[in-house]
Protein backbone atom coordinates (compact mmCIF):
# COMPACT_ATOMS: atom_id res chain seq x y z
CA MET A 1 -89.68 37.92 5.52
CA THR A 2 -88.66 34.93 3.47
CA ILE A 3 -89.21 34.95 -0.29
CA LYS A 4 -92.25 32.70 0.15
CA GLN A 5 -93.69 34.94 2.86
CA GLU A 6 -93.16 38.05 0.73
CA SER A 7 -94.98 36.41 -2.16
CA LYS A 8 -97.89 35.38 0.06
CA PHE A 9 -98.05 38.82 1.65
CA LYS A 10 -98.19 40.55 -1.76
CA MET A 11 -100.88 38.12 -2.89
CA SER A 12 -102.88 38.84 0.27
CA LEU A 13 -102.65 42.60 -0.26
CA SER A 14 -103.81 42.19 -3.87
CA THR A 15 -106.65 39.96 -2.69
CA ASP A 16 -107.73 42.57 -0.16
CA GLU A 17 -107.74 45.31 -2.82
CA PHE A 18 -109.85 43.08 -5.08
CA LEU A 19 -112.35 42.39 -2.30
CA ILE A 20 -112.64 46.09 -1.44
CA LYS A 21 -113.49 46.90 -5.06
CA ASN A 22 -116.13 44.16 -5.10
CA GLU A 23 -117.51 44.40 -1.58
CA ARG A 24 -121.09 44.85 -2.88
CA LEU A 25 -120.94 41.18 -3.96
CA THR A 26 -119.58 39.84 -0.68
CA LYS A 27 -121.05 42.03 2.08
CA ASP A 28 -124.06 39.76 2.64
CA LEU A 29 -122.20 36.46 2.59
CA PRO A 30 -122.35 34.57 5.92
CA GLU A 31 -119.41 35.37 8.27
CA PHE A 32 -117.64 37.27 5.50
CA GLY A 33 -117.45 40.54 7.44
CA THR A 34 -115.88 38.95 10.51
CA THR A 35 -113.48 36.84 8.46
CA VAL A 36 -112.23 39.65 6.23
CA THR A 37 -111.78 41.95 9.26
CA GLU A 38 -109.59 39.34 10.95
CA PHE A 39 -107.75 38.83 7.65
CA ARG A 40 -106.97 42.56 7.42
CA GLY A 41 -105.91 42.68 11.06
CA ILE A 42 -103.36 39.94 10.45
CA LEU A 43 -102.03 41.78 7.38
CA SER A 44 -101.55 44.93 9.48
CA LYS A 45 -99.61 43.01 12.13
CA ILE A 46 -97.39 41.37 9.50
CA LYS A 47 -96.61 44.78 7.99
CA LEU A 48 -95.76 46.19 11.42
CA ILE A 49 -93.46 43.33 12.44
CA ASP A 50 -91.73 43.27 9.08
CA GLY A 51 -91.02 46.99 9.42
CA GLN A 52 -89.57 46.44 12.87
CA GLN A 53 -87.49 43.54 11.57
CA GLN A 54 -86.04 45.67 8.77
CA ASN A 55 -85.37 48.72 10.91
CA VAL A 56 -83.87 47.20 14.05
CA ARG A 57 -80.43 46.58 12.55
CA THR A 58 -80.32 49.95 10.81
CA GLY A 59 -81.30 51.75 14.00
CA VAL A 60 -78.71 49.93 16.10
CA ALA A 61 -75.95 50.68 13.60
CA LYS A 62 -76.85 54.38 13.48
CA ASP A 63 -76.96 54.66 17.29
CA LYS A 64 -73.55 53.04 17.52
CA ARG A 65 -72.03 55.30 14.88
CA ASP A 66 -73.40 58.41 16.59
CA VAL A 67 -72.06 57.55 20.04
CA LYS A 68 -68.74 56.39 18.58
CA ASN A 69 -68.28 59.69 16.74
CA ALA A 70 -69.12 61.58 19.93
CA LEU A 71 -66.57 59.56 21.89
CA ILE A 72 -63.86 60.10 19.25
CA ALA A 73 -64.46 63.86 19.33
CA LEU A 74 -64.28 64.05 23.13
CA ALA A 75 -61.28 61.71 23.33
CA ALA A 76 -59.40 63.81 20.80
CA GLU A 77 -60.22 67.04 22.65
CA ASN A 78 -59.26 65.63 26.05
CA SER A 79 -56.10 64.05 24.62
CA ALA A 80 -54.96 67.43 23.33
CA GLN A 81 -55.68 69.05 26.70
CA VAL A 82 -53.84 66.37 28.67
CA PHE A 83 -50.97 66.49 26.16
CA ALA A 84 -50.62 70.24 26.74
CA PHE A 85 -50.52 69.67 30.50
CA ALA A 86 -47.91 66.92 30.06
CA LYS A 87 -45.82 69.16 27.76
CA VAL A 88 -45.77 72.02 30.24
CA SER A 89 -45.08 69.61 33.09
CA ASN A 90 -42.30 67.92 31.08
CA ASN A 91 -44.00 64.56 31.60
CA LYS A 92 -42.71 62.75 28.49
CA THR A 93 -44.34 59.43 29.39
CA LEU A 94 -47.78 61.01 29.63
CA MET A 95 -47.14 62.95 26.40
CA ASP A 96 -46.49 59.70 24.53
CA GLU A 97 -49.53 58.01 26.07
CA VAL A 98 -52.00 60.71 24.98
CA HIS A 99 -50.47 61.90 21.70
CA PHE A 100 -53.43 60.84 19.49
CA SER A 101 -55.26 62.98 16.93
CA ILE A 102 -58.90 62.64 15.91
CA SER A 103 -57.82 60.77 12.75
CA ASP A 104 -55.73 58.36 14.87
CA LEU A 105 -58.73 57.64 17.04
CA GLY A 106 -61.01 57.26 14.04
CA ARG A 107 -58.81 54.49 12.64
CA MET A 108 -58.92 52.49 15.87
CA THR A 109 -61.03 49.37 16.20
CA ASP A 110 -63.97 49.56 18.56
CA VAL A 111 -62.10 47.61 21.23
CA ALA A 112 -58.95 49.74 20.89
CA LEU A 113 -60.98 52.96 21.08
CA ARG A 114 -62.78 51.72 24.16
CA THR A 115 -59.50 50.68 25.83
CA TYR A 116 -57.73 53.96 25.05
CA SER A 117 -60.69 56.07 26.21
CA ASP A 118 -60.90 54.11 29.44
CA GLU A 119 -57.18 54.60 30.11
CA LEU A 120 -57.41 58.30 29.25
CA ASN A 121 -60.31 58.72 31.65
CA LYS A 122 -58.35 57.00 34.44
CA LYS A 123 -55.41 59.36 33.84
CA MET A 124 -57.65 62.42 33.95
CA VAL A 125 -59.43 61.71 37.25
CA PRO A 126 -56.48 62.17 39.67
CA LEU A 127 -55.26 65.21 37.70
CA LEU A 128 -58.54 67.15 37.59
CA GLU A 129 -57.33 69.94 39.85
CA SER A 130 -54.26 70.54 37.67
CA LEU A 131 -56.15 70.08 34.39
CA GLY A 132 -58.76 72.73 35.16
CA LYS A 133 -56.89 75.55 33.44
CA TYR A 134 -56.45 73.32 30.38
CA GLY A 135 -60.22 72.96 29.99
CA ILE A 136 -60.83 69.65 31.76
CA THR A 137 -63.18 69.91 34.75
CA ALA A 138 -65.23 67.49 36.80
CA GLU A 139 -68.18 68.25 34.52
CA THR A 140 -66.30 67.63 31.28
CA GLN A 141 -64.70 64.49 32.72
CA LYS A 142 -68.15 63.16 33.67
CA LYS A 143 -69.44 63.87 30.15
CA PHE A 144 -66.51 61.93 28.73
CA ALA A 145 -67.07 59.02 31.15
CA ASP A 146 -70.80 58.92 30.34
CA THR A 147 -70.08 58.90 26.61
CA LEU A 148 -67.62 56.06 27.11
CA THR A 149 -70.27 54.09 29.01
CA ALA A 150 -72.79 54.71 26.23
CA PHE A 151 -70.27 53.46 23.67
CA GLU A 152 -69.59 50.31 25.72
CA ASN A 153 -73.32 49.67 25.88
CA SER A 154 -73.64 50.14 22.11
CA LEU A 155 -71.12 47.36 21.54
CA VAL A 156 -73.53 44.75 22.94
CA LYS A 157 -76.64 46.11 21.21
CA PRO A 158 -76.06 44.22 17.93
CA ARG A 159 -76.29 40.98 19.90
CA ILE A 160 -79.52 42.14 21.49
CA SER A 161 -80.92 43.18 18.13
CA ILE A 162 -80.25 39.72 16.71
CA ALA A 163 -82.43 38.27 19.48
CA GLU A 164 -85.10 40.87 18.68
CA LYS A 165 -84.91 39.99 15.00
CA ARG A 166 -85.30 36.28 15.74
CA GLU A 167 -88.31 37.05 17.91
CA ALA A 168 -89.81 39.05 15.03
CA THR A 169 -89.18 36.09 12.71
CA ARG A 170 -91.05 33.76 15.06
CA GLY A 171 -93.89 36.27 15.23
CA LEU A 172 -94.13 36.38 11.46
CA GLN A 173 -94.26 32.60 11.24
CA THR A 174 -97.22 32.53 13.62
CA LEU A 175 -99.01 35.30 11.77
CA PHE A 176 -98.60 33.58 8.40
CA ILE A 177 -100.16 30.42 9.85
CA LEU A 178 -103.13 32.53 10.96
CA LEU A 179 -103.20 34.23 7.55
CA ASP A 180 -103.42 30.87 5.79
CA SER A 181 -106.36 29.96 8.01
CA GLN A 182 -108.25 33.16 7.19
CA ILE A 183 -107.55 32.85 3.47
CA SER A 184 -108.91 29.31 3.55
CA LYS A 185 -112.09 30.59 5.20
CA LEU A 186 -112.44 33.34 2.60
CA ASP A 187 -112.03 30.77 -0.18
CA ALA A 188 -114.87 28.69 1.27
CA ILE A 189 -117.20 31.65 1.87
CA ILE A 190 -116.63 33.20 -1.56
CA GLY A 191 -117.14 29.76 -3.11
CA ILE A 192 -120.82 30.15 -2.28
CA ILE A 193 -121.29 32.54 -5.23
CA ARG A 194 -118.91 30.87 -7.65
CA TYR A 195 -121.72 29.96 -10.06
CA ASN A 196 -123.81 33.13 -9.70
CA GLU A 197 -120.89 35.58 -9.98
CA VAL A 198 -118.58 33.76 -12.37
CA ASN A 199 -116.45 36.74 -13.43
CA PHE A 200 -115.92 37.87 -9.84
CA TYR A 201 -115.04 34.36 -8.70
CA ASN A 202 -112.59 33.79 -11.54
CA GLY A 203 -110.95 37.14 -10.81
CA TYR A 204 -110.63 36.21 -7.16
CA LYS A 205 -109.02 32.87 -7.98
CA THR A 206 -106.59 34.55 -10.38
CA ILE A 207 -105.45 36.96 -7.67
CA ARG A 208 -105.09 34.08 -5.22
CA LYS A 209 -102.76 32.20 -7.57
CA LEU A 210 -100.14 34.95 -7.45
CA VAL A 211 -98.61 33.27 -4.42
CA ASN A 212 -97.33 30.48 -6.64
CA ILE A 213 -95.53 32.86 -9.00
CA ASN A 214 -91.98 33.92 -8.06
CA THR A 215 -90.57 30.42 -7.81
CA GLY A 216 -88.92 30.57 -11.25
CA VAL A 217 -85.68 28.68 -11.69
CA VAL A 218 -83.81 30.40 -8.86
CA ALA A 219 -83.33 27.88 -6.06
CA LEU A 220 -81.36 30.01 -3.59
CA LYS A 221 -80.63 33.66 -2.93
CA ALA A 222 -77.82 34.19 -0.40
CA THR A 223 -76.82 37.49 1.20
CA ALA A 224 -73.90 38.41 3.45
CA SER A 225 -73.79 41.57 5.58
CA ASP A 226 -71.75 43.05 8.42
CA ILE A 227 -73.33 42.22 11.79
CA VAL A 228 -72.73 45.73 13.12
CA THR A 229 -73.32 48.03 10.14
CA SER A 230 -75.67 45.82 8.08
CA GLU A 231 -73.63 46.83 5.03
CA PRO A 232 -73.42 44.16 2.27
CA ILE A 233 -70.07 42.37 1.98
CA LYS A 234 -68.55 41.61 -1.41
CA GLY A 235 -66.41 38.53 -2.04
CA VAL A 236 -67.74 36.29 0.72
CA LEU A 237 -67.13 32.63 -0.17
CA PHE A 238 -70.06 30.24 0.35
CA THR A 239 -69.38 26.49 0.12
CA LEU A 240 -72.54 24.38 0.04
CA LYS A 241 -72.32 20.63 0.51
CA SER A 242 -74.91 17.86 0.35
CA ASP A 243 -74.45 14.09 0.08
CA SER A 244 -73.84 14.29 -3.65
CA THR A 245 -73.12 17.95 -4.44
CA VAL A 246 -70.52 20.62 -3.65
CA LEU A 247 -71.18 24.19 -4.80
CA THR A 248 -69.10 27.33 -4.28
CA LYS A 249 -70.18 30.92 -4.90
CA ARG A 250 -68.95 34.38 -3.93
CA THR A 251 -71.10 37.38 -3.18
CA ALA A 252 -71.11 40.23 -5.72
CA ASP A 253 -71.03 44.01 -5.14
CA LYS A 254 -74.40 44.02 -3.36
CA GLY A 255 -73.35 41.21 -1.05
CA SER A 256 -75.52 38.53 -2.63
CA PHE A 257 -75.71 35.83 -5.31
CA LEU A 258 -78.26 33.52 -6.90
CA ILE A 259 -78.00 29.78 -7.60
CA ARG A 260 -80.34 28.19 -10.10
CA ASN A 261 -81.54 24.61 -10.43
CA MET A 262 -80.23 23.16 -7.17
CA LYS A 263 -81.17 19.63 -6.17
CA PRO A 264 -83.69 19.63 -3.30
CA GLY A 265 -82.29 18.69 0.09
CA THR A 266 -80.36 20.03 3.06
CA TYR A 267 -76.99 21.68 2.44
CA GLU A 268 -74.27 22.36 4.99
CA VAL A 269 -72.89 25.83 4.36
CA ALA A 270 -69.44 27.20 5.24
CA VAL A 271 -69.09 30.97 4.95
CA LYS A 272 -65.62 32.59 4.78
CA LYS A 273 -64.21 36.08 4.24
CA ASP A 274 -60.82 37.50 5.21
CA GLY A 275 -61.18 39.75 8.22
CA TYR A 276 -64.36 38.04 9.42
CA LYS A 277 -65.08 35.05 11.63
CA GLU A 278 -65.97 31.91 9.72
CA LYS A 279 -69.57 30.78 10.01
CA ALA A 280 -71.24 27.40 9.54
CA LEU A 281 -74.96 26.81 9.05
CA SER A 282 -77.40 24.83 6.92
CA VAL A 283 -80.12 25.61 4.39
CA SER A 284 -82.98 23.52 3.01
CA ILE A 285 -83.79 23.61 -0.69
CA SER A 286 -87.27 22.58 -1.82
CA ASP A 287 -88.45 21.68 -5.29
CA ARG A 288 -89.80 24.69 -7.24
CA GLU A 289 -89.48 26.98 -4.24
CA ARG A 290 -86.89 29.71 -3.81
CA SER A 291 -85.03 29.65 -0.50
CA GLU A 292 -83.26 32.63 1.05
CA LEU A 293 -80.13 32.55 3.17
CA LYS A 294 -79.09 35.69 5.05
CA VAL A 295 -75.75 35.59 6.88
CA GLU A 296 -74.44 38.26 9.24
CA LEU A 297 -70.67 38.18 9.73
CA GLU A 298 -68.67 39.45 12.65
CA LYS A 299 -65.21 40.93 12.20
CA SER A 300 -62.38 38.86 13.63
């Protein structure tokens, strides 16, 4: 959710709690039952999609870590077995090619690990008959090959999850439009008793105004995270440019920063960090409304 959506969602939840506590005053109002039921249904859908949006990146990162660790363990075990075969066979070239420990493999980049594992698998296949007494069989080779395939598939999942996250964002936008419509209907229906139930009506209006709080003086919150792990990145340089303004900020320990009192308008943003691919995007700043900019960086 955006900051504005979060504020509206919290206001809507508070409104619903208020209406539940005072349902004796509203239960007989025309169309109130149908309207509030639809209102609550939309809130449930927003909560569900937001949960999916938050969890998709975390889930993808965990899946990738798990399969990567499994591949490293199998590659290290098979490397040791092939190395023993090469040592006994006095095959110095093969010894050099497979002389990698589990710590060596753990320090490899994803691409390097994938390449090495693929080459190791290709070396193992024609030697299966000879490698049997060293612990490598057709079954263990297949397990290694399947784990390698799973790891290769995990490398493209972050891209897929980005598409899923964007789809969730579009879904939220639609739901918030529907939420606005239902809130407007509730305002009109409850307005019927504004003069007969003054305290209730004033309480309702007070709850409804919470959506306008949270603007403060913060104009922009920016966050940078790793596209694969979702971990926050410290020291990312953001350069924001408009027709008359140039601003630069770096992310702190939690991968974010705040800018206060920005002039409204559209800013072109350049995002840089050593070891990551540079990214360019734009952000719109509105008067008295906090904008949020989330950037996911890919390692170079």
